[in-house]
């Protein structure tokens, strides 16, 4: 039995999650990305890695970014609640918040550039 690498396990888990969110079986997914069902199973379990071209096909067919597959969603902020609150603001309130956020983001950008 082949030894599993941590990166392959992580990527496999993300691919499996994305496939399941899309409502696809391993067989349906395998056909979409031109792989065998056993290959998909091996990838999802982290038994083997994938090539860049396979990653690209997977991302295209599942409509997910490669960052999501490689890094997972743990690096992605959930902005839904903030977005919903911003949508309820008056145009004047929204403009004030937008100006403020732009200034804060510029400040952080300058801090990063000074490192």
PDB file of N, CA and C in Angstrom:
ATOM      1  N   UNK A   1       0.838  -1.188   0.000  1.00  0.00           N
ATOM      2  CA  UNK A   1       0.000   0.000   0.000  1.00  0.00           C
ATOM      3  C   UNK A   1       0.878   1.243   0.000  1.00  0.00           C
ATOM      4  N   UNK A   2       0.514   2.212  -0.822  1.00  0.00           N
ATOM      5  CA  UNK A   2       1.297   3.435  -0.912  1.00  0.00           C
ATOM      6  C   UNK A   2       1.087   4.297   0.324  1.00  0.00           C
ATOM      7  N   UNK A   3       2.153   5.008   0.714  1.00  0.00           N
ATOM      8  CA  UNK A   3       2.078   5.917   1.859  1.00  0.00           C
ATOM      9  C   UNK A   3       1.386   7.211   1.434  1.00  0.00           C
ATOM     10  N   UNK A   4       0.490   7.690   2.265  1.00  0.00           N
ATOM     11  CA  UNK A   4      -0.244   8.907   1.956  1.00  0.00           C
ATOM     12  C   UNK A   4       0.553  10.125   2.404  1.00  0.00           C
ATOM     13  N   UNK A   5       0.637  11.133   1.527  1.00  0.00           N
ATOM     14  CA  UNK A   5       1.268  12.398   1.875  1.00  0.00           C
ATOM     15  C   UNK A   5       0.184  13.336   2.380  1.00  0.00           C
ATOM     16  N   UNK A   6       0.519  14.128   3.389  1.00  0.00           N
ATOM     17  CA  UNK A   6      -0.457  15.040   4.008  1.00  0.00           C
ATOM     18  C   UNK A   6      -1.095  15.974   2.977  1.00  0.00           C
ATOM     19  N   UNK A   7      -0.306  16.501   2.045  1.00  0.00           N
ATOM     20  CA  UNK A   7      -0.843  17.423   1.042  1.00  0.00           C
ATOM     21  C   UNK A   7      -1.864  16.718   0.151  1.00  0.00           C
ATOM     22  N   UNK A   8      -1.604  15.461  -0.192  1.00  0.00           N
ATOM     23  CA  UNK A   8      -2.548  14.707  -1.016  1.00  0.00           C
ATOM     24  C   UNK A   8      -3.848  14.444  -0.269  1.00  0.00           C
ATOM     25  N   UNK A   9      -3.747  14.197   1.026  1.00  0.00           N
ATOM     26  CA  UNK A   9      -4.942  13.970   1.845  1.00  0.00           C
ATOM     27  C   UNK A   9      -5.784  15.243   1.897  1.00  0.00           C
ATOM     28  N   UNK A  10      -5.130  16.383   2.135  1.00  0.00           N
ATOM     29  CA  UNK A  10      -5.851  17.654   2.209  1.00  0.00           C
ATOM     30  C   UNK A  10      -6.534  17.988   0.889  1.00  0.00           C
ATOM     31  N   UNK A  11      -5.802  17.860  -0.203  1.00  0.00           N
ATOM     32  CA  UNK A  11      -6.357  18.155  -1.519  1.00  0.00           C
ATOM     33  C   UNK A  11      -7.483  17.180  -1.842  1.00  0.00           C
ATOM     34  N   UNK A  12      -7.289  15.923  -1.536  1.00  0.00           N
ATOM     35  CA  UNK A  12      -8.322  14.916  -1.766  1.00  0.00           C
ATOM     36  C   UNK A  12      -9.599  15.218  -1.006  1.00  0.00           C
ATOM     37  N   UNK A  13      -9.454  15.640   0.249  1.00  0.00           N
ATOM     38  CA  UNK A  13     -10.632  16.003   1.050  1.00  0.00           C
ATOM     39  C   UNK A  13     -11.377  17.184   0.445  1.00  0.00           C
ATOM     40  N   UNK A  14     -10.642  18.182  -0.040  1.00  0.00           N
ATOM     41  CA  UNK A  14     -11.270  19.357  -0.651  1.00  0.00           C
ATOM     42  C   UNK A  14     -11.988  18.985  -1.950  1.00  0.00           C
ATOM     43  N   UNK A  15     -11.377  18.117  -2.730  1.00  0.00           N
ATOM     44  CA  UNK A  15     -12.009  17.676  -3.978  1.00  0.00           C
ATOM     45  C   UNK A  15     -13.290  16.901  -3.663  1.00  0.00           C
ATOM     46  N   UNK A  16     -13.205  16.019  -2.692  1.00  0.00           N
ATOM     47  CA  UNK A  16     -14.393  15.241  -2.304  1.00  0.00           C
ATOM     48  C   UNK A  16     -15.520  16.171  -1.837  1.00  0.00           C
ATOM     49  N   UNK A  17     -15.183  17.150  -1.006  1.00  0.00           N
ATOM     50  CA  UNK A  17     -16.193  18.095  -0.515  1.00  0.00           C
ATOM     51  C   UNK A  17     -16.828  18.860  -1.669  1.00  0.00           C
ATOM     52  N   UNK A  18     -16.010  19.332  -2.597  1.00  0.00           N
ATOM     53  CA  UNK A  18     -16.525  20.084  -3.751  1.00  0.00           C
ATOM     54  C   UNK A  18     -17.402  19.191  -4.630  1.00  0.00           C
ATOM     55  N   UNK A  19     -16.989  17.947  -4.818  1.00  0.00           N
ATOM     56  CA  UNK A  19     -17.778  17.009  -5.621  1.00  0.00           C
ATOM     57  C   UNK A  19     -19.134  16.753  -4.971  1.00  0.00           C
ATOM     58  N   UNK A  20     -19.119  16.544  -3.655  1.00  0.00           N
ATOM     59  CA  UNK A  20     -20.366  16.280  -2.935  1.00  0.00           C
ATOM     60  C   UNK A  20     -21.283  17.499  -2.948  1.00  0.00           C
ATOM     61  N   UNK A  21     -20.706  18.704  -2.809  1.00  0.00           N
ATOM     62  CA  UNK A  21     -21.519  19.925  -2.886  1.00  0.00           C
ATOM     63  C   UNK A  21     -22.189  20.059  -4.253  1.00  0.00           C
ATOM     64  N   UNK A  22     -21.503  19.551  -5.289  1.00  0.00           N
ATOM     65  CA  UNK A  22     -22.047  19.592  -6.645  1.00  0.00           C
ATOM     66  C   UNK A  22     -23.088  18.490  -6.871  1.00  0.00           C
ATOM     67  N   UNK A  23     -23.228  17.599  -5.901  1.00  0.00           N
ATOM     68  CA  UNK A  23     -24.219  16.528  -5.998  1.00  0.00           C
ATOM     69  C   UNK A  23     -23.839  15.420  -6.966  1.00  0.00           C
ATOM     70  N   UNK A  24     -22.537  15.195  -7.122  1.00  0.00           N
ATOM     71  CA  UNK A  24     -22.058  14.193  -8.070  1.00  0.00           C
ATOM     72  C   UNK A  24     -21.555  12.943  -7.358  1.00  0.00           C
ATOM     73  N   UNK A  25     -21.803  11.790  -7.967  1.00  0.00           N
ATOM     74  CA  UNK A  25     -21.195  10.555  -7.477  1.00  0.00           C
ATOM     75  C   UNK A  25     -19.758  10.512  -7.980  1.00  0.00           C
ATOM     76  N   UNK A  26     -18.966   9.611  -7.442  1.00  0.00           N
ATOM     77  CA  UNK A  26     -17.602   9.474  -7.936  1.00  0.00           C
ATOM     78  C   UNK A  26     -17.606   9.082  -9.407  1.00  0.00           C
ATOM     79  N   UNK A  27     -18.533   8.217  -9.793  1.00  0.00           N
ATOM     80  CA  UNK A  27     -18.594   7.780 -11.188  1.00  0.00           C
ATOM     81  C   UNK A  27     -18.952   8.935 -12.125  1.00  0.00           C
ATOM     82  N   UNK A  28     -19.957   9.722 -11.768  1.00  0.00           N
ATOM     83  CA  UNK A  28     -20.340  10.873 -12.601  1.00  0.00           C
ATOM     84  C   UNK A  28     -19.183  11.854 -12.712  1.00  0.00           C
ATOM     85  N   UNK A  29     -18.543  12.115 -11.584  1.00  0.00           N
ATOM     86  CA  UNK A  29     -17.424  13.046 -11.552  1.00  0.00           C
ATOM     87  C   UNK A  29     -16.252  12.523 -12.386  1.00  0.00           C
ATOM     88  N   UNK A  30     -15.967  11.239 -12.257  1.00  0.00           N
ATOM     89  CA  UNK A  30     -14.869  10.631 -13.013  1.00  0.00           C
ATOM     90  C   UNK A  30     -15.064  10.823 -14.514  1.00  0.00           C
ATOM     91  N   UNK A  31     -16.296  10.613 -14.970  1.00  0.00           N
ATOM     92  CA  UNK A  31     -16.585  10.793 -16.395  1.00  0.00           C
ATOM     93  C   UNK A  31     -16.397  12.244 -16.816  1.00  0.00           C
ATOM     94  N   UNK A  32     -16.801  13.174 -15.956  1.00  0.00           N
ATOM     95  CA  UNK A  32     -16.680  14.601 -16.278  1.00  0.00           C
ATOM     96  C   UNK A  32     -15.234  15.037 -16.449  1.00  0.00           C
ATOM     97  N   UNK A  33     -14.347  14.483 -15.620  1.00  0.00           N
ATOM     98  CA  UNK A  33     -12.948  14.931 -15.631  1.00  0.00           C
ATOM     99  C   UNK A  33     -12.008  13.929 -16.314  1.00  0.00           C
ATOM    100  N   UNK A  34     -12.597  12.980 -17.033  1.00  0.00           N
ATOM    101  CA  UNK A  34     -11.828  11.998 -17.814  1.00  0.00           C
ATOM    102  C   UNK A  34     -10.865  11.179 -16.962  1.00  0.00           C
ATOM    103  N   UNK A  35     -11.375  10.679 -15.849  1.00  0.00           N
ATOM    104  CA  UNK A  35     -10.598   9.797 -14.977  1.00  0.00           C
ATOM    105  C   UNK A  35     -11.411   8.533 -14.724  1.00  0.00           C
ATOM    106  N   UNK A  36     -10.737   7.495 -14.264  1.00  0.00           N
ATOM    107  CA  UNK A  36     -11.446   6.302 -13.840  1.00  0.00           C
ATOM    108  C   UNK A  36     -12.002   6.502 -12.438  1.00  0.00           C
ATOM    109  N   UNK A  37     -13.036   5.752 -12.097  1.00  0.00           N
ATOM    110  CA  UNK A  37     -13.639   5.860 -10.768  1.00  0.00           C
ATOM    111  C   UNK A  37     -12.618   5.522  -9.687  1.00  0.00           C
ATOM    112  N   UNK A  38     -11.772   4.521  -9.948  1.00  0.00           N
ATOM    113  CA  UNK A  38     -10.726   4.169  -8.973  1.00  0.00           C
ATOM    114  C   UNK A  38      -9.748   5.314  -8.786  1.00  0.00           C
ATOM    115  N   UNK A  39      -9.422   6.015  -9.869  1.00  0.00           N
ATOM    116  CA  UNK A  39      -8.525   7.179  -9.763  1.00  0.00           C
ATOM    117  C   UNK A  39      -9.134   8.250  -8.870  1.00  0.00           C
ATOM    118  N   UNK A  40     -10.423   8.527  -9.065  1.00  0.00           N
ATOM    119  CA  UNK A  40     -11.105   9.535  -8.249  1.00  0.00           C
ATOM    120  C   UNK A  40     -11.089   9.110  -6.788  1.00  0.00           C
ATOM    121  N   UNK A  41     -11.374   7.839  -6.539  1.00  0.00           N
ATOM    122  CA  UNK A  41     -11.358   7.324  -5.170  1.00  0.00           C
ATOM    123  C   UNK A  41      -9.971   7.481  -4.542  1.00  0.00           C
ATOM    124  N   UNK A  42      -8.932   7.122  -5.300  1.00  0.00           N
ATOM    125  CA  UNK A  42      -7.554   7.251  -4.798  1.00  0.00           C
ATOM    126  C   UNK A  42      -7.198   8.706  -4.502  1.00  0.00           C
ATOM    127  N   UNK A  43      -7.623   9.616  -5.391  1.00  0.00           N
ATOM    128  CA  UNK A  43      -7.337  11.046  -5.189  1.00  0.00           C
ATOM    129  C   UNK A  43      -8.043  11.540  -3.933  1.00  0.00           C
ATOM    130  N   UNK A  44      -9.328  11.224  -3.799  1.00  0.00           N
ATOM    131  CA  UNK A  44     -10.107  11.706  -2.661  1.00  0.00           C
ATOM    132  C   UNK A  44      -9.607  11.145  -1.334  1.00  0.00           C
ATOM    133  N   UNK A  45      -9.042   9.956  -1.356  1.00  0.00           N
ATOM    134  CA  UNK A  45      -8.507   9.363  -0.122  1.00  0.00           C
ATOM    135  C   UNK A  45      -7.061   9.787   0.149  1.00  0.00           C
ATOM    136  N   UNK A  46      -6.456  10.509  -0.791  1.00  0.00           N
ATOM    137  CA  UNK A  46      -5.083  10.971  -0.612  1.00  0.00           C
ATOM    138  C   UNK A  46      -4.044   9.922  -0.908  1.00  0.00           C
ATOM    139  N   UNK A  47      -4.454   8.843  -1.577  1.00  0.00           N
ATOM    140  CA  UNK A  47      -3.520   7.771  -1.914  1.00  0.00           C
ATOM    141  C   UNK A  47      -2.541   8.228  -2.986  1.00  0.00           C
ATOM    142  N   UNK A  48      -3.006   9.119  -3.861  1.00  0.00           N
ATOM    143  CA  UNK A  48      -2.127   9.633  -4.913  1.00  0.00           C
ATOM    144  C   UNK A  48      -2.378  11.119  -5.104  1.00  0.00           C
ATOM    145  N   UNK A  49      -1.446  11.776  -5.726  1.00  0.00           N
ATOM    146  CA  UNK A  49      -1.568  13.198  -6.020  1.00  0.00           C
ATOM    147  C   UNK A  49      -2.178  13.401  -7.392  1.00  0.00           C
ATOM    148  N   UNK A  50      -2.302  14.660  -7.787  1.00  0.00           N
ATOM    149  CA  UNK A  50      -2.853  14.979  -9.103  1.00  0.00           C
ATOM    150  C   UNK A  50      -1.912  15.917  -9.842  1.00  0.00           C
ATOM    151  N   UNK A  51      -2.034  15.896 -11.147  1.00  0.00           N
ATOM    152  CA  UNK A  51      -1.245  16.809 -11.969  1.00  0.00           C
ATOM    153  C   UNK A  51      -1.947  18.160 -12.044  1.00  0.00           C
ATOM    154  N   UNK A  52      -1.224  19.141 -12.510  1.00  0.00           N
ATOM    155  CA  UNK A  52      -1.798  20.479 -12.687  1.00  0.00           C
ATOM    156  C   UNK A  52      -2.931  20.430 -13.706  1.00  0.00           C
ATOM    157  N   UNK A  53      -2.759  19.670 -14.777  1.00  0.00           N
ATOM    158  CA  UNK A  53      -3.817  19.604 -15.794  1.00  0.00           C
ATOM    159  C   UNK A  53      -5.079  18.948 -15.234  1.00  0.00           C
ATOM    160  N   UNK A  54      -4.922  17.947 -14.372  1.00  0.00           N
ATOM    161  CA  UNK A  54      -6.087  17.329 -13.733  1.00  0.00           C
ATOM    162  C   UNK A  54      -6.734  18.311 -12.771  1.00  0.00           C
ATOM    163  N   UNK A  55      -5.935  19.043 -12.005  1.00  0.00           N
ATOM    164  CA  UNK A  55      -6.473  20.056 -11.095  1.00  0.00           C
ATOM    165  C   UNK A  55      -7.280  21.091 -11.871  1.00  0.00           C
ATOM    166  N   UNK A  56      -6.763  21.513 -13.010  1.00  0.00           N
ATOM    167  CA  UNK A  56      -7.465  22.501 -13.831  1.00  0.00           C
ATOM    168  C   UNK A  56      -8.812  21.961 -14.292  1.00  0.00           C
ATOM    169  N   UNK A  57      -8.840  20.712 -14.784  1.00  0.00           N
ATOM    170  CA  UNK A  57     -10.105  20.107 -15.226  1.00  0.00           C
ATOM    171  C   UNK A  57     -11.099  20.016 -14.076  1.00  0.00           C
ATOM    172  N   UNK A  58     -10.610  19.604 -12.911  1.00  0.00           N
ATOM    173  CA  UNK A  58     -11.472  19.479 -11.735  1.00  0.00           C
ATOM    174  C   UNK A  58     -12.069  20.833 -11.374  1.00  0.00           C
ATOM    175  N   UNK A  59     -11.242  21.862 -11.333  1.00  0.00           N
ATOM    176  CA  UNK A  59     -11.710  23.203 -10.981  1.00  0.00           C
ATOM    177  C   UNK A  59     -12.730  23.711 -11.993  1.00  0.00           C
ATOM    178  N   UNK A  60     -12.481  23.480 -13.268  1.00  0.00           N
ATOM    179  CA  UNK A  60     -13.414  23.915 -14.306  1.00  0.00           C
ATOM    180  C   UNK A  60     -14.756  23.197 -14.177  1.00  0.00           C
ATOM    181  N   UNK A  61     -14.724  21.893 -13.992  1.00  0.00           N
ATOM    182  CA  UNK A  61     -15.965  21.113 -13.950  1.00  0.00           C
ATOM    183  C   UNK A  61     -16.760  21.361 -12.676  1.00  0.00           C
ATOM    184  N   UNK A  62     -16.075  21.628 -11.563  1.00  0.00           N
ATOM    185  CA  UNK A  62     -16.770  21.863 -10.295  1.00  0.00           C
ATOM    186  C   UNK A  62     -17.006  23.354 -10.030  1.00  0.00           C
ATOM    187  N   UNK A  63     -16.500  24.195 -10.902  1.00  0.00           N
ATOM    188  CA  UNK A  63     -16.618  25.656 -10.738  1.00  0.00           C
ATOM    189  C   UNK A  63     -16.089  26.120  -9.380  1.00  0.00           C
ATOM    190  N   UNK A  64     -14.885  25.667  -9.056  1.00  0.00           N
ATOM    191  CA  UNK A  64     -14.213  26.100  -7.828  1.00  0.00           C
ATOM    192  C   UNK A  64     -12.829  26.604  -8.201  1.00  0.00           C
ATOM    193  N   UNK A  65     -12.258  27.431  -7.344  1.00  0.00           N
ATOM    194  CA  UNK A  65     -10.912  27.937  -7.614  1.00  0.00           C
ATOM    195  C   UNK A  65      -9.878  26.908  -7.164  1.00  0.00           C
ATOM    196  N   UNK A  66      -8.723  26.968  -7.784  1.00  0.00           N
ATOM    197  CA  UNK A  66      -7.642  26.076  -7.370  1.00  0.00           C
ATOM    198  C   UNK A  66      -7.191  26.407  -5.950  1.00  0.00           C
ATOM    199  N   UNK A  67      -7.305  27.678  -5.547  1.00  0.00           N
ATOM    200  CA  UNK A  67      -6.965  28.050  -4.167  1.00  0.00           C
ATOM    201  C   UNK A  67      -7.838  27.299  -3.173  1.00  0.00           C
ATOM    202  N   UNK A  68      -9.119  27.174  -3.497  1.00  0.00           N
ATOM    203  CA  UNK A  68     -10.026  26.466  -2.591  1.00  0.00           C
ATOM    204  C   UNK A  68      -9.622  24.998  -2.466  1.00  0.00           C
ATOM    205  N   UNK A  69      -9.222  24.386  -3.575  1.00  0.00           N
ATOM    206  CA  UNK A  69      -8.801  22.985  -3.544  1.00  0.00           C
ATOM    207  C   UNK A  69      -7.471  22.839  -2.815  1.00  0.00           C
ATOM    208  N   UNK A  70      -6.525  23.712  -3.079  1.00  0.00           N
ATOM    209  CA  UNK A  70      -5.185  23.585  -2.498  1.00  0.00           C
ATOM    210  C   UNK A  70      -5.147  24.032  -1.033  1.00  0.00           C
ATOM    211  N   UNK A  71      -5.771  25.168  -0.738  1.00  0.00           N
ATOM    212  CA  UNK A  71      -5.685  25.727   0.606  1.00  0.00           C
ATOM    213  C   UNK A  71      -6.924  25.480   1.461  1.00  0.00           C
ATOM    214  N   UNK A  72      -8.011  25.050   0.832  1.00  0.00           N
ATOM    215  CA  UNK A  72      -9.251  24.858   1.564  1.00  0.00           C
ATOM    216  C   UNK A  72      -9.921  26.190   1.831  1.00  0.00           C
ATOM    217  N   UNK A  73     -11.010  26.141   2.525  1.00  0.00           N
ATOM    218  CA  UNK A  73     -11.765  27.367   2.781  1.00  0.00           C
ATOM    219  C   UNK A  73     -11.366  28.022   4.096  1.00  0.00           C
ATOM    220  N   UNK A  74     -10.399  27.446   4.801  1.00  0.00           N
ATOM    221  CA  UNK A  74     -10.019  28.011   6.098  1.00  0.00           C
ATOM    222  C   UNK A  74      -9.353  29.378   5.980  1.00  0.00           C
ATOM    223  N   UNK A  75      -8.869  29.728   4.781  1.00  0.00           N
ATOM    224  CA  UNK A  75      -8.236  31.024   4.600  1.00  0.00           C
ATOM    225  C   UNK A  75      -9.200  32.046   4.016  1.00  0.00           C
ATOM    226  N   UNK A  76     -10.450  31.659   3.888  1.00  0.00           N
ATOM    227  CA  UNK A  76     -11.440  32.515   3.276  1.00  0.00           C
ATOM    228  C   UNK A  76     -12.348  33.070   4.367  1.00  0.00           C
ATOM    229  N   UNK A  77     -12.456  34.373   4.426  1.00  0.00           N
ATOM    230  CA  UNK A  77     -13.334  35.004   5.405  1.00  0.00           C
ATOM    231  C   UNK A  77     -14.784  34.885   4.955  1.00  0.00           C
ATOM    232  N   UNK A  78     -15.663  34.657   5.918  1.00  0.00           N
ATOM    233  CA  UNK A  78     -17.087  34.602   5.621  1.00  0.00           C
ATOM    234  C   UNK A  78     -17.617  36.027   5.683  1.00  0.00           C
ATOM    235  N   UNK A  79     -17.887  36.602   4.532  1.00  0.00           N
ATOM    236  CA  UNK A  79     -18.320  38.000   4.449  1.00  0.00           C
ATOM    237  C   UNK A  79     -19.828  38.145   4.260  1.00  0.00           C
ATOM    238  N   UNK A  80     -20.538  37.048   4.306  1.00  0.00           N
ATOM    239  CA  UNK A  80     -21.972  37.078   4.042  1.00  0.00           C
ATOM    240  C   UNK A  80     -22.710  37.994   5.003  1.00  0.00           C
ATOM    241  N   UNK A  81     -22.470  37.860   6.303  1.00  0.00           N
ATOM    242  CA  UNK A  81     -23.189  38.668   7.287  1.00  0.00           C
ATOM    243  C   UNK A  81     -22.881  40.151   7.104  1.00  0.00           C
ATOM    244  N   UNK A  82     -21.630  40.481   6.867  1.00  0.00           N
ATOM    245  CA  UNK A  82     -21.251  41.888   6.664  1.00  0.00           C
ATOM    246  C   UNK A  82     -21.877  42.419   5.382  1.00  0.00           C
ATOM    247  N   UNK A  83     -21.857  41.611   4.339  1.00  0.00           N
ATOM    248  CA  UNK A  83     -22.453  42.027   3.070  1.00  0.00           C
ATOM    249  C   UNK A  83     -23.940  42.326   3.235  1.00  0.00           C
ATOM    250  N   UNK A  84     -24.634  41.454   3.951  1.00  0.00           N
ATOM    251  CA  UNK A  84     -26.065  41.669   4.169  1.00  0.00           C
ATOM    252  C   UNK A  84     -26.328  42.964   4.933  1.00  0.00           C
ATOM    253  N   UNK A  85     -25.496  43.263   5.907  1.00  0.00           N
ATOM    254  CA  UNK A  85     -25.670  44.513   6.660  1.00  0.00           C
ATOM    255  C   UNK A  85     -25.392  45.725   5.783  1.00  0.00           C
ATOM    256  N   UNK A  86     -24.356  45.641   4.954  1.00  0.00           N
ATOM    257  CA  UNK A  86     -24.027  46.753   4.064  1.00  0.00           C
ATOM    258  C   UNK A  86     -25.136  47.012   3.046  1.00  0.00           C
ATOM    259  N   UNK A  87     -25.779  45.948   2.595  1.00  0.00           N
ATOM    260  CA  UNK A  87     -26.853  46.107   1.614  1.00  0.00           C
ATOM    261  C   UNK A  87     -28.053  46.871   2.180  1.00  0.00           C
ATOM    262  N   UNK A  88     -28.216  46.859   3.493  1.00  0.00           N
ATOM    263  CA  UNK A  88     -29.363  47.529   4.121  1.00  0.00           C
ATOM    264  C   UNK A  88     -29.093  49.001   4.446  1.00  0.00           C
ATOM    265  N   UNK A  89     -27.877  49.469   4.209  1.00  0.00           N
ATOM    266  CA  UNK A  89     -27.544  50.870   4.498  1.00  0.00           C
ATOM    267  C   UNK A  89     -28.118  51.802   3.439  1.00  0.00           C
ATOM    268  N   UNK A  90     -28.343  53.044   3.855  1.00  0.00           N
ATOM    269  CA  UNK A  90     -28.735  54.066   2.875  1.00  0.00           C
ATOM    270  C   UNK A  90     -27.510  54.371   2.004  1.00  0.00           C
ATOM    271  N   UNK A  91     -27.707  54.979   0.848  1.00  0.00           N
ATOM    272  CA  UNK A  91     -26.562  55.317  -0.005  1.00  0.00           C
ATOM    273  C   UNK A  91     -25.514  56.176   0.708  1.00  0.00           C
ATOM    274  N   UNK A  92     -25.963  57.113   1.545  1.00  0.00           N
ATOM    275  CA  UNK A  92     -25.024  57.980   2.265  1.00  0.00           C
ATOM    276  C   UNK A  92     -24.230  57.171   3.301  1.00  0.00           C
ATOM    277  N   UNK A  93     -24.909  56.313   4.026  1.00  0.00           N
ATOM    278  CA  UNK A  93     -24.228  55.477   5.016  1.00  0.00           C
ATOM    279  C   UNK A  93     -23.222  54.548   4.336  1.00  0.00           C
ATOM    280  N   UNK A  94     -23.647  53.954   3.219  1.00  0.00           N
ATOM    281  CA  UNK A  94     -22.767  53.051   2.488  1.00  0.00           C
ATOM    282  C   UNK A  94     -21.507  53.776   2.020  1.00  0.00           C
ATOM    283  N   UNK A  95     -21.676  54.985   1.493  1.00  0.00           N
ATOM    284  CA  UNK A  95     -20.520  55.759   1.010  1.00  0.00           C
ATOM    285  C   UNK A  95     -19.557  56.055   2.150  1.00  0.00           C
ATOM    286  N   UNK A  96     -20.081  56.395   3.343  1.00  0.00           N
ATOM    287  CA  UNK A  96     -19.225  56.671   4.502  1.00  0.00           C
ATOM    288  C   UNK A  96     -18.436  55.422   4.898  1.00  0.00           C
ATOM    289  N   UNK A  97     -19.102  54.269   4.930  1.00  0.00           N
ATOM    290  CA  UNK A  97     -18.431  53.005   5.285  1.00  0.00           C
ATOM    291  C   UNK A  97     -17.399  52.641   4.219  1.00  0.00           C
ATOM    292  N   UNK A  98     -17.759  52.831   2.959  1.00  0.00           N
ATOM    293  CA  UNK A  98     -16.839  52.533   1.867  1.00  0.00           C
ATOM    294  C   UNK A  98     -15.564  53.378   1.981  1.00  0.00           C
ATOM    295  N   UNK A  99     -15.703  54.665   2.248  1.00  0.00           N
ATOM    296  CA  UNK A  99     -14.558  55.562   2.411  1.00  0.00           C
ATOM    297  C   UNK A  99     -13.691  55.104   3.582  1.00  0.00           C
ATOM    298  N   UNK A 100     -14.336  54.795   4.690  1.00  0.00           N
ATOM    299  CA  UNK A 100     -13.616  54.338   5.878  1.00  0.00           C
ATOM    300  C   UNK A 100     -12.843  53.050   5.591  1.00  0.00           C
ATOM    301  N   UNK A 101     -13.515  52.074   4.982  1.00  0.00           N
ATOM    302  CA  UNK A 101     -12.851  50.788   4.693  1.00  0.00           C
ATOM    303  C   UNK A 101     -11.677  50.960   3.732  1.00  0.00           C
ATOM    304  N   UNK A 102     -11.843  51.804   2.735  1.00  0.00           N
ATOM    305  CA  UNK A 102     -10.745  52.059   1.797  1.00  0.00           C
ATOM    306  C   UNK A 102      -9.535  52.646   2.512  1.00  0.00           C
ATOM    307  N   UNK A 103      -9.774  53.539   3.472  1.00  0.00           N
ATOM    308  CA  UNK A 103      -8.671  54.126   4.238  1.00  0.00           C
ATOM    309  C   UNK A 103      -7.994  53.074   5.120  1.00  0.00           C
ATOM    310  N   UNK A 104      -8.783  52.244   5.765  1.00  0.00           N
ATOM    311  CA  UNK A 104      -8.219  51.183   6.618  1.00  0.00           C
ATOM    312  C   UNK A 104      -7.416  50.197   5.781  1.00  0.00           C
ATOM    313  N   UNK A 105      -7.968  49.784   4.648  1.00  0.00           N
ATOM    314  CA  UNK A 105      -7.252  48.834   3.792  1.00  0.00           C
ATOM    315  C   UNK A 105      -5.969  49.442   3.241  1.00  0.00           C
ATOM    316  N   UNK A 106      -5.974  50.713   2.915  1.00  0.00           N
ATOM    317  CA  UNK A 106      -4.762  51.389   2.456  1.00  0.00           C
ATOM    318  C   UNK A 106      -3.716  51.416   3.566  1.00  0.00           C
ATOM    319  N   UNK A 107      -4.167  51.658   4.814  1.00  0.00           N
ATOM    320  CA  UNK A 107      -3.253  51.665   5.942  1.00  0.00           C
ATOM    321  C   UNK A 107      -2.595  50.305   6.119  1.00  0.00           C
ATOM    322  N   UNK A 108      -3.382  49.223   6.027  1.00  0.00           N
ATOM    323  CA  UNK A 108      -2.816  47.868   6.151  1.00  0.00           C
ATOM    324  C   UNK A 108      -1.878  47.559   5.003  1.00  0.00           C
ATOM    325  N   UNK A 109      -2.213  48.028   3.822  1.00  0.00           N
ATOM    326  CA  UNK A 109      -1.356  47.810   2.675  1.00  0.00           C
ATOM    327  C   UNK A 109      -0.002  48.480   2.884  1.00  0.00           C
ATOM    328  N   UNK A 110      -0.030  49.701   3.423  1.00  0.00           N
ATOM    329  CA  UNK A 110       1.211  50.418   3.699  1.00  0.00           C
ATOM    330  C   UNK A 110       2.033  49.711   4.775  1.00  0.00           C
ATOM    331  N   UNK A 111       1.377  49.159   5.783  1.00  0.00           N
ATOM    332  CA  UNK A 111       2.079  48.419   6.835  1.00  0.00           C
ATOM    333  C   UNK A 111       2.772  47.194   6.243  1.00  0.00           C
ATOM    334  N   UNK A 112       2.077  46.481   5.351  1.00  0.00           N
ATOM    335  CA  UNK A 112       2.653  45.296   4.713  1.00  0.00           C
ATOM    336  C   UNK A 112       3.845  45.665   3.852  1.00  0.00           C
ATOM    337  N   UNK A 113       3.775  46.812   3.177  1.00  0.00           N
ATOM    338  CA  UNK A 113       4.865  47.238   2.300  1.00  0.00           C
ATOM    339  C   UNK A 113       6.091  47.669   3.082  1.00  0.00           C
ATOM    340  N   UNK A 114       5.934  48.059   4.343  1.00  0.00           N
ATOM    341  CA  UNK A 114       7.050  48.523   5.156  1.00  0.00           C
ATOM    342  C   UNK A 114       7.781  47.390   5.882  1.00  0.00           C
ATOM    343  N   UNK A 115       7.310  46.178   5.723  1.00  0.00           N
ATOM    344  CA  UNK A 115       7.971  45.032   6.399  1.00  0.00           C
ATOM    345  C   UNK A 115       9.252  44.669   5.743  1.00  0.00           C
TER     346      UNK A 115
END
